[in-house]
Amino acid sequence: YDIISSTCYALGPIMSPVTSGLYMARGNNFTCKLQAFGILWGITSFSYNAILSLYFLFTVKYKWSERNFRKVKYWVYIPLNALGLGLALGAIPFYDEGLYNCSI
């Protein structure tokens, strides 16, 4: 997720529609929506960092084993990915060019 959102941020105004008037704008409406989708979907990586923090908390403080995490792994990862993908897909109609790149 980090690579996707970082790439979308790095491309900046290049993916914005030419009609937006932004400096270096070379894209169209599709590339604008693609960039905004990648940026919003990349927000899911923050949730993975939170899960990693919880993993270390439960491992160190509460002495959980790998076996305990295997039991809850899918209950955490599947909803997390579904939420991130659902938000990114659901916001597609609202993506538009902004001051620097395409976003909501």
PDB file of N, CA and C in Angstrom:
ATOM      1  N   TYR A   1       0.806  -1.198   0.000  1.00  0.00           N
ATOM      2  CA  TYR A   1       0.000   0.000   0.000  1.00  0.00           C
ATOM      3  C   TYR A   1       0.852   1.267   0.000  1.00  0.00           C
ATOM      4  N   ASP A   2       1.958   1.214   0.720  1.00  0.00           N
ATOM      5  CA  ASP A   2       2.837   2.381   0.774  1.00  0.00           C
ATOM      6  C   ASP A   2       3.422   2.703  -0.593  1.00  0.00           C
ATOM      7  N   ILE A   3       3.787   1.677  -1.333  1.00  0.00           N
ATOM      8  CA  ILE A   3       4.385   1.896  -2.657  1.00  0.00           C
ATOM      9  C   ILE A   3       3.357   2.510  -3.607  1.00  0.00           C
ATOM     10  N   ILE A   4       2.128   2.020  -3.533  1.00  0.00           N
ATOM     11  CA  ILE A   4       1.083   2.543  -4.416  1.00  0.00           C
ATOM     12  C   ILE A   4       0.807   4.014  -4.125  1.00  0.00           C
ATOM     13  N   SER A   5       0.586   4.331  -2.850  1.00  0.00           N
ATOM     14  CA  SER A   5       0.255   5.720  -2.521  1.00  0.00           C
ATOM     15  C   SER A   5       1.454   6.641  -2.715  1.00  0.00           C
ATOM     16  N   SER A   6       2.663   6.156  -2.428  1.00  0.00           N
ATOM     17  CA  SER A   6       3.852   6.991  -2.635  1.00  0.00           C
ATOM     18  C   SER A   6       4.062   7.299  -4.110  1.00  0.00           C
ATOM     19  N   THR A   7       3.811   6.314  -4.961  1.00  0.00           N
ATOM     20  CA  THR A   7       3.932   6.536  -6.401  1.00  0.00           C
ATOM     21  C   THR A   7       2.901   7.553  -6.876  1.00  0.00           C
ATOM     22  N   CYS A   8       1.695   7.430  -6.370  1.00  0.00           N
ATOM     23  CA  CYS A   8       0.641   8.385  -6.763  1.00  0.00           C
ATOM     24  C   CYS A   8       0.971   9.794  -6.291  1.00  0.00           C
ATOM     25  N   TYR A   9       1.508   9.928  -5.079  1.00  0.00           N
ATOM     26  CA  TYR A   9       1.918  11.252  -4.598  1.00  0.00           C
ATOM     27  C   TYR A   9       3.080  11.795  -5.418  1.00  0.00           C
ATOM     28  N   ALA A  10       4.039  10.919  -5.749  1.00  0.00           N
ATOM     29  CA  ALA A  10       5.224  11.358  -6.487  1.00  0.00           C
ATOM     30  C   ALA A  10       4.867  11.850  -7.889  1.00  0.00           C
ATOM     31  N   LEU A  11       3.867  11.251  -8.492  1.00  0.00           N
ATOM     32  CA  LEU A  11       3.467  11.682  -9.836  1.00  0.00           C
ATOM     33  C   LEU A  11       2.780  13.044  -9.816  1.00  0.00           C
ATOM     34  N   GLY A  12       2.283  13.413  -8.645  1.00  0.00           N
ATOM     35  CA  GLY A  12       1.722  14.751  -8.451  1.00  0.00           C
ATOM     36  C   GLY A  12       0.806  15.207  -9.555  1.00  0.00           C
ATOM     37  N   PRO A  13       1.072  16.385 -10.105  1.00  0.00           N
ATOM     38  CA  PRO A  13       0.158  16.951 -11.096  1.00  0.00           C
ATOM     39  C   PRO A  13       0.253  16.297 -12.477  1.00  0.00           C
ATOM     40  N   ILE A  14       1.213  15.418 -12.677  1.00  0.00           N
ATOM     41  CA  ILE A  14       1.365  14.784 -13.998  1.00  0.00           C
ATOM     42  C   ILE A  14       0.097  14.018 -14.382  1.00  0.00           C
ATOM     43  N   MET A  15      -0.561  13.397 -13.411  1.00  0.00           N
ATOM     44  CA  MET A  15      -1.763  12.614 -13.701  1.00  0.00           C
ATOM     45  C   MET A  15      -3.028  13.460 -13.753  1.00  0.00           C
ATOM     46  N   SER A  16      -2.926  14.732 -13.430  1.00  0.00           N
ATOM     47  CA  SER A  16      -4.089  15.626 -13.491  1.00  0.00           C
ATOM     48  C   SER A  16      -4.462  15.893 -14.942  1.00  0.00           C
ATOM     49  N   PRO A  17      -5.738  16.139 -15.194  1.00  0.00           N
ATOM     50  CA  PRO A  17      -6.154  16.432 -16.573  1.00  0.00           C
ATOM     51  C   PRO A  17      -5.481  17.683 -17.123  1.00  0.00           C
ATOM     52  N   VAL A  18      -5.191  17.663 -18.396  1.00  0.00           N
ATOM     53  CA  VAL A  18      -4.555  18.806 -19.063  1.00  0.00           C
ATOM     54  C   VAL A  18      -5.422  20.052 -18.911  1.00  0.00           C
ATOM     55  N   THR A  19      -6.720  19.860 -18.894  1.00  0.00           N
ATOM     56  CA  THR A  19      -7.643  20.992 -18.788  1.00  0.00           C
ATOM     57  C   THR A  19      -7.652  21.645 -17.407  1.00  0.00           C
ATOM     58  N   SER A  20      -6.978  21.028 -16.419  1.00  0.00           N
ATOM     59  CA  SER A  20      -6.986  21.587 -15.061  1.00  0.00           C
ATOM     60  C   SER A  20      -6.134  22.847 -14.951  1.00  0.00           C
ATOM     61  N   GLY A  21      -5.194  23.031 -15.869  1.00  0.00           N
ATOM     62  CA  GLY A  21      -4.334  24.201 -15.839  1.00  0.00           C
ATOM     63  C   GLY A  21      -3.156  24.070 -14.889  1.00  0.00           C
ATOM     64  N   LEU A  22      -2.978  22.897 -14.269  1.00  0.00           N
ATOM     65  CA  LEU A  22      -1.846  22.690 -13.372  1.00  0.00           C
ATOM     66  C   LEU A  22      -0.554  22.556 -14.170  1.00  0.00           C
ATOM     67  N   TYR A  23       0.518  23.039 -13.604  1.00  0.00           N
ATOM     68  CA  TYR A  23       1.824  22.923 -14.245  1.00  0.00           C
ATOM     69  C   TYR A  23       2.184  21.451 -14.379  1.00  0.00           C
ATOM     70  N   MET A  24       2.615  21.016 -15.521  1.00  0.00           N
ATOM     71  CA  MET A  24       3.014  19.645 -15.858  1.00  0.00           C
ATOM     72  C   MET A  24       1.838  18.660 -15.951  1.00  0.00           C
ATOM     73  N   ALA A  25       0.622  19.137 -15.984  1.00  0.00           N
ATOM     74  CA  ALA A  25      -0.536  18.243 -16.102  1.00  0.00           C
ATOM     75  C   ALA A  25      -0.529  17.581 -17.471  1.00  0.00           C
ATOM     76  N   ARG A  26      -0.547  16.247 -17.491  1.00  0.00           N
ATOM     77  CA  ARG A  26      -0.492  15.500 -18.746  1.00  0.00           C
ATOM     78  C   ARG A  26      -1.576  14.435 -18.849  1.00  0.00           C
ATOM     79  N   GLY A  27      -2.398  14.300 -17.824  1.00  0.00           N
ATOM     80  CA  GLY A  27      -3.345  13.196 -17.773  1.00  0.00           C
ATOM     81  C   GLY A  27      -4.715  13.527 -18.307  1.00  0.00           C
ATOM     82  N   ASN A  28      -5.650  12.689 -17.937  1.00  0.00           N
ATOM     83  CA  ASN A  28      -7.045  12.872 -18.291  1.00  0.00           C
ATOM     84  C   ASN A  28      -7.896  12.513 -17.074  1.00  0.00           C
ATOM     85  N   ASN A  29      -9.185  12.441 -17.232  1.00  0.00           N
ATOM     86  CA  ASN A  29     -10.075  12.155 -16.110  1.00  0.00           C
ATOM     87  C   ASN A  29      -9.795  10.781 -15.500  1.00  0.00           C
ATOM     88  N   PHE A  30      -9.484   9.777 -16.351  1.00  0.00           N
ATOM     89  CA  PHE A  30      -9.199   8.425 -15.845  1.00  0.00           C
ATOM     90  C   PHE A  30      -7.933   8.410 -14.993  1.00  0.00           C
ATOM     91  N   THR A  31      -6.854   9.044 -15.468  1.00  0.00           N
ATOM     92  CA  THR A  31      -5.613   9.040 -14.693  1.00  0.00           C
ATOM     93  C   THR A  31      -5.773   9.813 -13.385  1.00  0.00           C
ATOM     94  N   CYS A  32      -6.602  10.830 -13.409  1.00  0.00           N
ATOM     95  CA  CYS A  32      -6.886  11.589 -12.190  1.00  0.00           C
ATOM     96  C   CYS A  32      -7.582  10.698 -11.160  1.00  0.00           C
ATOM     97  N   LYS A  33      -8.590   9.964 -11.594  1.00  0.00           N
ATOM     98  CA  LYS A  33      -9.307   9.073 -10.688  1.00  0.00           C
ATOM     99  C   LYS A  33      -8.421   7.923 -10.226  1.00  0.00           C
ATOM    100  N   LEU A  34      -7.541   7.445 -11.085  1.00  0.00           N
ATOM    101  CA  LEU A  34      -6.609   6.382 -10.721  1.00  0.00           C
ATOM    102  C   LEU A  34      -5.637   6.857  -9.640  1.00  0.00           C
ATOM    103  N   GLN A  35      -5.141   8.056  -9.775  1.00  0.00           N
ATOM    104  CA  GLN A  35      -4.241   8.613  -8.778  1.00  0.00           C
ATOM    105  C   GLN A  35      -4.946   8.791  -7.436  1.00  0.00           C
ATOM    106  N   ALA A  36      -6.128   9.347  -7.457  1.00  0.00           N
ATOM    107  CA  ALA A  36      -6.883   9.557  -6.219  1.00  0.00           C
ATOM    108  C   ALA A  36      -7.229   8.224  -5.556  1.00  0.00           C
ATOM    109  N   PHE A  37      -7.555   7.217  -6.351  1.00  0.00           N
ATOM    110  CA  PHE A  37      -7.834   5.887  -5.821  1.00  0.00           C
ATOM    111  C   PHE A  37      -6.606   5.334  -5.111  1.00  0.00           C
ATOM    112  N   GLY A  38      -5.446   5.446  -5.741  1.00  0.00           N
ATOM    113  CA  GLY A  38      -4.207   4.940  -5.134  1.00  0.00           C
ATOM    114  C   GLY A  38      -3.858   5.654  -3.848  1.00  0.00           C
ATOM    115  N   ILE A  39      -4.081   6.950  -3.808  1.00  0.00           N
ATOM    116  CA  ILE A  39      -3.791   7.725  -2.592  1.00  0.00           C
ATOM    117  C   ILE A  39      -4.736   7.310  -1.466  1.00  0.00           C
ATOM    118  N   LEU A  40      -6.013   7.198  -1.761  1.00  0.00           N
ATOM    119  CA  LEU A  40      -6.976   6.838  -0.719  1.00  0.00           C
ATOM    120  C   LEU A  40      -6.787   5.402  -0.262  1.00  0.00           C
ATOM    121  N   TRP A  41      -6.502   4.506  -1.177  1.00  0.00           N
ATOM    122  CA  TRP A  41      -6.280   3.107  -0.802  1.00  0.00           C
ATOM    123  C   TRP A  41      -5.012   2.972   0.041  1.00  0.00           C
ATOM    124  N   GLY A  42      -4.050   3.852  -0.179  1.00  0.00           N
ATOM    125  CA  GLY A  42      -2.817   3.843   0.600  1.00  0.00           C
ATOM    126  C   GLY A  42      -3.018   4.183   2.058  1.00  0.00           C
ATOM    127  N   ILE A  43      -4.134   4.789   2.393  1.00  0.00           N
ATOM    128  CA  ILE A  43      -4.427   5.095   3.795  1.00  0.00           C
ATOM    129  C   ILE A  43      -4.544   3.799   4.601  1.00  0.00           C
ATOM    130  N   THR A  44      -4.845   2.700   3.941  1.00  0.00           N
ATOM    131  CA  THR A  44      -4.936   1.408   4.619  1.00  0.00           C
ATOM    132  C   THR A  44      -3.626   1.044   5.300  1.00  0.00           C
ATOM    133  N   SER A  45      -2.506   1.540   4.796  1.00  0.00           N
ATOM    134  CA  SER A  45      -1.209   1.204   5.400  1.00  0.00           C
ATOM    135  C   SER A  45      -1.105   1.727   6.829  1.00  0.00           C
ATOM    136  N   PHE A  46      -1.796   2.823   7.151  1.00  0.00           N
ATOM    137  CA  PHE A  46      -1.785   3.305   8.531  1.00  0.00           C
ATOM    138  C   PHE A  46      -2.410   2.273   9.460  1.00  0.00           C
ATOM    139  N   SER A  47      -3.431   1.609   8.991  1.00  0.00           N
ATOM    140  CA  SER A  47      -4.075   0.578   9.801  1.00  0.00           C
ATOM    141  C   SER A  47      -3.136  -0.599  10.033  1.00  0.00           C
ATOM    142  N   TYR A  48      -2.346  -0.938   9.027  1.00  0.00           N
ATOM    143  CA  TYR A  48      -1.376  -2.016   9.202  1.00  0.00           C
ATOM    144  C   TYR A  48      -0.328  -1.635  10.246  1.00  0.00           C
ATOM    145  N   ASN A  49       0.061  -0.380  10.302  1.00  0.00           N
ATOM    146  CA  ASN A  49       1.000   0.055  11.333  1.00  0.00           C
ATOM    147  C   ASN A  49       0.370  -0.067  12.715  1.00  0.00           C
ATOM    148  N   ALA A  50      -0.907   0.227  12.827  1.00  0.00           N
ATOM    149  CA  ALA A  50      -1.608   0.072  14.105  1.00  0.00           C
ATOM    150  C   ALA A  50      -1.682  -1.397  14.511  1.00  0.00           C
ATOM    151  N   ILE A  51      -1.934  -2.271  13.543  1.00  0.00           N
ATOM    152  CA  ILE A  51      -1.977  -3.707  13.831  1.00  0.00           C
ATOM    153  C   ILE A  51      -0.615  -4.200  14.283  1.00  0.00           C
ATOM    154  N   LEU A  52       0.433  -3.708  13.657  1.00  0.00           N
ATOM    155  CA  LEU A  52       1.784  -4.092  14.056  1.00  0.00           C
ATOM    156  C   LEU A  52       2.076  -3.640  15.486  1.00  0.00           C
ATOM    157  N   SER A  53       1.626  -2.457  15.842  1.00  0.00           N
ATOM    158  CA  SER A  53       1.797  -1.975  17.217  1.00  0.00           C
ATOM    159  C   SER A  53       1.041  -2.857  18.207  1.00  0.00           C
ATOM    160  N   LEU A  54      -0.176  -3.251  17.836  1.00  0.00           N
ATOM    161  CA  LEU A  54      -0.939  -4.144  18.711  1.00  0.00           C
ATOM    162  C   LEU A  54      -0.271  -5.515  18.825  1.00  0.00           C
ATOM    163  N   TYR A  55       0.303  -5.981  17.731  1.00  0.00           N
ATOM    164  CA  TYR A  55       1.023  -7.256  17.752  1.00  0.00           C
ATOM    165  C   TYR A  55       2.146  -7.211  18.779  1.00  0.00           C
ATOM    166  N   PHE A  56       2.949  -6.156  18.757  1.00  0.00           N
ATOM    167  CA  PHE A  56       4.045  -6.050  19.713  1.00  0.00           C
ATOM    168  C   PHE A  56       3.542  -5.863  21.139  1.00  0.00           C
ATOM    169  N   LEU A  57       2.456  -5.135  21.306  1.00  0.00           N
ATOM    170  CA  LEU A  57       1.877  -4.963  22.633  1.00  0.00           C
ATOM    171  C   LEU A  57       1.455  -6.307  23.222  1.00  0.00           C
ATOM    172  N   PHE A  58       0.699  -7.077  22.443  1.00  0.00           N
ATOM    173  CA  PHE A  58       0.227  -8.363  22.941  1.00  0.00           C
ATOM    174  C   PHE A  58       1.357  -9.375  23.096  1.00  0.00           C
ATOM    175  N   THR A  59       2.386  -9.286  22.266  1.00  0.00           N
ATOM    176  CA  THR A  59       3.503 -10.216  22.371  1.00  0.00           C
ATOM    177  C   THR A  59       4.352  -9.926  23.602  1.00  0.00           C
ATOM    178  N   VAL A  60       4.672  -8.671  23.815  1.00  0.00           N
ATOM    179  CA  VAL A  60       5.581  -8.311  24.905  1.00  0.00           C
ATOM    180  C   VAL A  60       4.855  -8.239  26.251  1.00  0.00           C
ATOM    181  N   LYS A  61       3.763  -7.498  26.302  1.00  0.00           N
ATOM    182  CA  LYS A  61       3.108  -7.263  27.591  1.00  0.00           C
ATOM    183  C   LYS A  61       2.229  -8.435  28.024  1.00  0.00           C
ATOM    184  N   TYR A  62       1.460  -8.981  27.082  1.00  0.00           N
ATOM    185  CA  TYR A  62       0.505 -10.016  27.447  1.00  0.00           C
ATOM    186  C   TYR A  62       0.977 -11.420  27.097  1.00  0.00           C
ATOM    187  N   LYS A  63       2.192 -11.550  26.581  1.00  0.00           N
ATOM    188  CA  LYS A  63       2.830 -12.851  26.295  1.00  0.00           C
ATOM    189  C   LYS A  63       2.024 -13.736  25.351  1.00  0.00           C
ATOM    190  N   TRP A  64       1.420 -13.125  24.341  1.00  0.00           N
ATOM    191  CA  TRP A  64       0.715 -13.909  23.338  1.00  0.00           C
ATOM    192  C   TRP A  64       1.726 -14.662  22.482  1.00  0.00           C
ATOM    193  N   SER A  65       1.316 -15.810  21.989  1.00  0.00           N
ATOM    194  CA  SER A  65       2.172 -16.590  21.099  1.00  0.00           C
ATOM    195  C   SER A  65       1.713 -16.407  19.650  1.00  0.00           C
ATOM    196  N   GLU A  66       2.506 -16.931  18.741  1.00  0.00           N
ATOM    197  CA  GLU A  66       2.130 -16.885  17.318  1.00  0.00           C
ATOM    198  C   GLU A  66       0.821 -17.621  17.089  1.00  0.00           C
ATOM    199  N   ARG A  67       0.597 -18.633  17.842  1.00  0.00           N
ATOM    200  CA  ARG A  67      -0.626 -19.427  17.700  1.00  0.00           C
ATOM    201  C   ARG A  67      -1.875 -18.583  17.989  1.00  0.00           C
ATOM    202  N   ASN A  68      -1.782 -17.722  18.989  1.00  0.00           N
ATOM    203  CA  ASN A  68      -2.910 -16.837  19.303  1.00  0.00           C
ATOM    204  C   ASN A  68      -3.189 -15.878  18.155  1.00  0.00           C
ATOM    205  N   PHE A  69      -2.137 -15.380  17.522  1.00  0.00           N
ATOM    206  CA  PHE A  69      -2.322 -14.436  16.418  1.00  0.00           C
ATOM    207  C   PHE A  69      -2.872 -15.112  15.172  1.00  0.00           C
ATOM    208  N   ARG A  70      -2.509 -16.358  14.973  1.00  0.00           N
ATOM    209  CA  ARG A  70      -3.047 -17.070  13.810  1.00  0.00           C
ATOM    210  C   ARG A  70      -4.562 -17.226  13.908  1.00  0.00           C
ATOM    211  N   LYS A  71      -5.071 -17.299  15.134  1.00  0.00           N
ATOM    212  CA  LYS A  71      -6.523 -17.449  15.335  1.00  0.00           C
ATOM    213  C   LYS A  71      -7.284 -16.192  14.938  1.00  0.00           C
ATOM    214  N   VAL A  72      -6.694 -15.026  15.156  1.00  0.00           N
ATOM    215  CA  VAL A  72      -7.397 -13.768  14.886  1.00  0.00           C
ATOM    216  C   VAL A  72      -6.929 -13.074  13.610  1.00  0.00           C
ATOM    217  N   LYS A  73      -5.944 -13.646  12.941  1.00  0.00           N
ATOM    218  CA  LYS A  73      -5.342 -12.996  11.780  1.00  0.00           C
ATOM    219  C   LYS A  73      -6.370 -12.622  10.713  1.00  0.00           C
ATOM    220  N   TYR A  74      -7.181 -13.558  10.306  1.00  0.00           N
ATOM    221  CA  TYR A  74      -8.132 -13.291   9.230  1.00  0.00           C
ATOM    222  C   TYR A  74      -9.269 -12.374   9.676  1.00  0.00           C
ATOM    223  N   TRP A  75      -9.585 -12.383  10.972  1.00  0.00           N
ATOM    224  CA  TRP A  75     -10.621 -11.496  11.490  1.00  0.00           C
ATOM    225  C   TRP A  75     -10.162 -10.048  11.510  1.00  0.00           C
ATOM    226  N   VAL A  76      -8.854  -9.843  11.396  1.00  0.00           N
ATOM    227  CA  VAL A  76      -8.306  -8.487  11.383  1.00  0.00           C
ATOM    228  C   VAL A  76      -7.997  -8.042   9.951  1.00  0.00           C
ATOM    229  N   TYR A  77      -7.312  -8.882   9.199  1.00  0.00           N
ATOM    230  CA  TYR A  77      -6.840  -8.478   7.869  1.00  0.00           C
ATOM    231  C   TYR A  77      -7.945  -8.363   6.823  1.00  0.00           C
ATOM    232  N   ILE A  78      -8.872  -9.277   6.823  1.00  0.00           N
ATOM    233  CA  ILE A  78      -9.923  -9.245   5.795  1.00  0.00           C
ATOM    234  C   ILE A  78     -10.811  -8.001   5.941  1.00  0.00           C
ATOM    235  N   PRO A  79     -11.333  -7.697   7.136  1.00  0.00           N
ATOM    236  CA  PRO A  79     -12.139  -6.468   7.243  1.00  0.00           C
ATOM    237  C   PRO A  79     -11.332  -5.205   6.962  1.00  0.00           C
ATOM    238  N   LEU A  80     -10.062  -5.206   7.356  1.00  0.00           N
ATOM    239  CA  LEU A  80      -9.214  -4.049   7.112  1.00  0.00           C
ATOM    240  C   LEU A  80      -9.050  -3.793   5.619  1.00  0.00           C
ATOM    241  N   ASN A  81      -8.736  -4.836   4.870  1.00  0.00           N
ATOM    242  CA  ASN A  81      -8.594  -4.687   3.420  1.00  0.00           C
ATOM    243  C   ASN A  81      -9.925  -4.356   2.758  1.00  0.00           C
ATOM    244  N   ALA A  82     -10.998  -4.970   3.226  1.00  0.00           N
ATOM    245  CA  ALA A  82     -12.316  -4.679   2.662  1.00  0.00           C
ATOM    246  C   ALA A  82     -12.716  -3.229   2.917  1.00  0.00           C
ATOM    247  N   LEU A  83     -12.422  -2.728   4.108  1.00  0.00           N
ATOM    248  CA  LEU A  83     -12.740  -1.334   4.422  1.00  0.00           C
ATOM    249  C   LEU A  83     -11.938  -0.375   3.546  1.00  0.00           C
ATOM    250  N   GLY A  84     -10.636  -0.600   3.435  1.00  0.00           N
ATOM    251  CA  GLY A  84      -9.797   0.277   2.614  1.00  0.00           C
ATOM    252  C   GLY A  84     -10.192   0.261   1.150  1.00  0.00           C
ATOM    253  N   LEU A  85     -10.420  -0.921   0.620  1.00  0.00           N
ATOM    254  CA  LEU A  85     -10.825  -1.042  -0.780  1.00  0.00           C
ATOM    255  C   LEU A  85     -12.225  -0.479  -0.988  1.00  0.00           C
ATOM    256  N   GLY A  86     -13.125  -0.708  -0.031  1.00  0.00           N
ATOM    257  CA  GLY A  86     -14.482  -0.186  -0.138  1.00  0.00           C
ATOM    258  C   GLY A  86     -14.525   1.330  -0.128  1.00  0.00           C
ATOM    259  N   LEU A  87     -13.716   1.938   0.757  1.00  0.00           N
ATOM    260  CA  LEU A  87     -13.656   3.401   0.789  1.00  0.00           C
ATOM    261  C   LEU A  87     -13.087   3.962  -0.510  1.00  0.00           C
ATOM    262  N   ALA A  88     -12.029   3.331  -1.007  1.00  0.00           N
ATOM    263  CA  ALA A  88     -11.402   3.820  -2.239  1.00  0.00           C
ATOM    264  C   ALA A  88     -12.341   3.668  -3.438  1.00  0.00           C
ATOM    265  N   LEU A  89     -13.051   2.551  -3.510  1.00  0.00           N
ATOM    266  CA  LEU A  89     -13.981   2.343  -4.623  1.00  0.00           C
ATOM    267  C   LEU A  89     -15.227   3.210  -4.484  1.00  0.00           C
ATOM    268  N   GLY A  90     -15.721   3.352  -3.266  1.00  0.00           N
ATOM    269  CA  GLY A  90     -16.932   4.134  -3.043  1.00  0.00           C
ATOM    270  C   GLY A  90     -16.761   5.622  -3.297  1.00  0.00           C
ATOM    271  N   ALA A  91     -15.531   6.095  -3.196  1.00  0.00           N
ATOM    272  CA  ALA A  91     -15.284   7.529  -3.378  1.00  0.00           C
ATOM    273  C   ALA A  91     -14.969   7.903  -4.817  1.00  0.00           C
ATOM    274  N   ILE A  92     -14.935   6.949  -5.719  1.00  0.00           N
ATOM    275  CA  ILE A  92     -14.578   7.229  -7.119  1.00  0.00           C
ATOM    276  C   ILE A  92     -15.399   8.373  -7.727  1.00  0.00           C
ATOM    277  N   PRO A  93     -16.718   8.444  -7.512  1.00  0.00           N
ATOM    278  CA  PRO A  93     -17.463   9.555  -8.118  1.00  0.00           C
ATOM    279  C   PRO A  93     -17.050  10.939  -7.602  1.00  0.00           C
ATOM    280  N   PHE A  94     -16.374  10.984  -6.467  1.00  0.00           N
ATOM    281  CA  PHE A  94     -16.028  12.265  -5.858  1.00  0.00           C
ATOM    282  C   PHE A  94     -14.591  12.709  -6.137  1.00  0.00           C
ATOM    283  N   TYR A  95     -13.815  11.888  -6.834  1.00  0.00           N
ATOM    284  CA  TYR A  95     -12.430  12.252  -7.136  1.00  0.00           C
ATOM    285  C   TYR A  95     -12.390  13.373  -8.160  1.00  0.00           C
ATOM    286  N   ASP A  96     -11.521  14.354  -7.922  1.00  0.00           N
ATOM    287  CA  ASP A  96     -11.381  15.479  -8.832  1.00  0.00           C
ATOM    288  C   ASP A  96     -10.003  16.086  -8.636  1.00  0.00           C
ATOM    289  N   GLU A  97      -9.585  16.914  -9.567  1.00  0.00           N
ATOM    290  CA  GLU A  97      -8.273  17.535  -9.422  1.00  0.00           C
ATOM    291  C   GLU A  97      -8.279  18.569  -8.304  1.00  0.00           C
ATOM    292  N   GLY A  98      -7.161  18.645  -7.604  1.00  0.00           N
ATOM    293  CA  GLY A  98      -7.016  19.614  -6.507  1.00  0.00           C
ATOM    294  C   GLY A  98      -5.935  20.621  -6.833  1.00  0.00           C
ATOM    295  N   LEU A  99      -5.327  21.157  -5.810  1.00  0.00           N
ATOM    296  CA  LEU A  99      -4.287  22.166  -6.005  1.00  0.00           C
ATOM    297  C   LEU A  99      -2.986  21.572  -6.506  1.00  0.00           C
ATOM    298  N   TYR A 100      -2.674  20.321  -6.096  1.00  0.00           N
ATOM    299  CA  TYR A 100      -1.412  19.703  -6.482  1.00  0.00           C
ATOM    300  C   TYR A 100      -1.621  18.391  -7.201  1.00  0.00           C
ATOM    301  N   ASN A 101      -2.577  17.589  -6.739  1.00  0.00           N
ATOM    302  CA  ASN A 101      -2.847  16.300  -7.357  1.00  0.00           C
ATOM    303  C   ASN A 101      -4.343  16.012  -7.269  1.00  0.00           C
ATOM    304  N   CYS A 102      -4.720  14.863  -7.746  1.00  0.00           N
ATOM    305  CA  CYS A 102      -6.132  14.488  -7.724  1.00  0.00           C
ATOM    306  C   CYS A 102      -6.463  13.828  -6.395  1.00  0.00           C
ATOM    307  N   SER A 103      -7.586  14.198  -5.836  1.00  0.00           N
ATOM    308  CA  SER A 103      -8.027  13.632  -4.571  1.00  0.00           C
ATOM    309  C   SER A 103      -9.520  13.896  -4.417  1.00  0.00           C
ATOM    310  N   ILE A 104     -10.025  13.667  -3.232  1.00  0.00           N
ATOM    311  CA  ILE A 104     -11.450  13.899  -2.974  1.00  0.00           C
ATOM    312  C   ILE A 104     -11.674  15.394  -2.825  1.00  0.00           C
TER     313      ILE A 104
END
